[in-house]
Amino acid sequence: MENKVYDIVAKNFNMATDSINSKTGPSDIPLWDSLGHMTLISSIEQSFNIEFEFEEMFEVVSVQSIIDILNRKIEQK
């Protein structure tokens, strides 16, 4: 799952996957603005067939936070 998240982030922001790590966040990626954030969330939702709650969208501050939310959602199923 971690690699898939890295791939999605890389694709959304036109970056090389190997330039992304768990600590990568909006301050590291110029295109990760409010619109980029919503596009990323949408891509994650489609790829993992899940839906972020409103509050969870604000929890996304890094790649690791995306992974943490996904793990939590998978455990809830």
Protein backbone atom coordinates (compact mmCIF):
# COMPACT_ATOMS: atom_id res chain seq x y z
CA MET A 1 0.00 0.00 0.00
CA GLU A 2 2.81 2.40 0.86
CA ASN A 3 4.33 2.15 -2.63
CA LYS A 4 0.93 2.69 -4.22
CA VAL A 5 0.48 5.90 -2.19
CA TYR A 6 3.94 7.09 -3.27
CA ASP A 7 3.01 6.38 -6.90
CA ILE A 8 -0.25 8.31 -6.60
CA VAL A 9 1.47 11.32 -5.02
CA ALA A 10 4.18 11.25 -7.69
CA LYS A 11 1.66 11.02 -10.51
CA ASN A 12 -0.54 13.80 -9.10
CA PHE A 13 2.34 16.20 -8.75
CA ASN A 14 4.41 15.13 -11.78
CA MET A 15 7.34 13.93 -9.71
CA ALA A 16 9.64 10.94 -9.62
CA THR A 17 8.43 8.34 -7.13
CA ASP A 18 11.91 8.04 -5.63
CA SER A 19 11.82 11.72 -4.64
CA ILE A 20 8.94 11.04 -2.23
CA ASN A 21 9.22 9.67 1.29
CA SER A 22 6.91 9.34 4.28
CA LYS A 23 7.70 12.87 5.48
CA THR A 24 6.94 14.54 2.13
CA GLY A 25 4.17 17.09 2.49
CA PRO A 26 2.74 20.28 1.02
CA SER A 27 5.76 22.38 2.00
CA ASP A 28 7.97 20.07 -0.09
CA ILE A 29 5.85 20.12 -3.25
CA PRO A 30 4.98 23.49 -4.84
CA LEU A 31 1.97 22.02 -6.68
CA TRP A 32 0.50 20.71 -3.40
CA ASP A 33 -1.79 23.68 -2.87
CA SER A 34 -5.49 23.57 -1.98
CA LEU A 35 -6.53 22.36 -5.44
CA GLY A 36 -3.66 19.87 -5.56
CA HIS A 37 -4.72 18.62 -2.12
CA MET A 38 -8.28 17.92 -3.27
CA THR A 39 -7.06 16.27 -6.47
CA LEU A 40 -4.73 14.05 -4.43
CA ILE A 41 -7.52 13.09 -2.01
CA SER A 42 -9.78 12.23 -4.95
CA SER A 43 -7.07 10.07 -6.54
CA ILE A 44 -6.47 8.23 -3.25
CA GLU A 45 -10.21 7.65 -2.82
CA GLN A 46 -10.57 6.24 -6.33
CA SER A 47 -7.46 4.05 -6.12
CA PHE A 48 -8.37 2.50 -2.77
CA ASN A 49 -12.16 2.60 -3.22
CA ILE A 50 -12.65 4.53 0.02
CA GLU A 51 -14.07 7.89 0.98
CA PHE A 52 -12.35 10.41 3.22
CA GLU A 53 -14.47 12.03 5.91
CA PHE A 54 -14.41 15.84 5.93
CA GLU A 55 -12.16 15.93 9.03
CA GLU A 56 -9.73 13.41 7.54
CA MET A 57 -9.02 15.72 4.61
CA PHE A 58 -7.47 18.14 7.10
CA GLU A 59 -5.41 15.37 8.72
CA VAL A 60 -3.44 14.93 5.49
CA VAL A 61 -0.21 16.81 6.16
CA SER A 62 2.26 14.29 4.75
CA VAL A 63 2.47 11.05 2.81
CA GLN A 64 2.66 9.19 6.14
CA SER A 65 -0.60 10.78 7.29
CA ILE A 66 -2.29 9.43 4.14
CA ILE A 67 -0.96 5.95 4.91
CA ASP A 68 -2.14 6.24 8.54
CA ILE A 69 -5.66 7.22 7.46
CA LEU A 70 -5.79 4.37 4.94
CA ASN A 71 -4.64 1.87 7.57
CA ARG A 72 -7.32 3.12 9.94
CA LYS A 73 -10.01 2.85 7.25
CA ILE A 74 -8.93 -0.68 6.29
CA GLU A 75 -9.09 -1.78 9.94
CA GLN A 76 -12.63 -0.38 10.23
CA LYS A 77 -13.93 -2.49 7.33
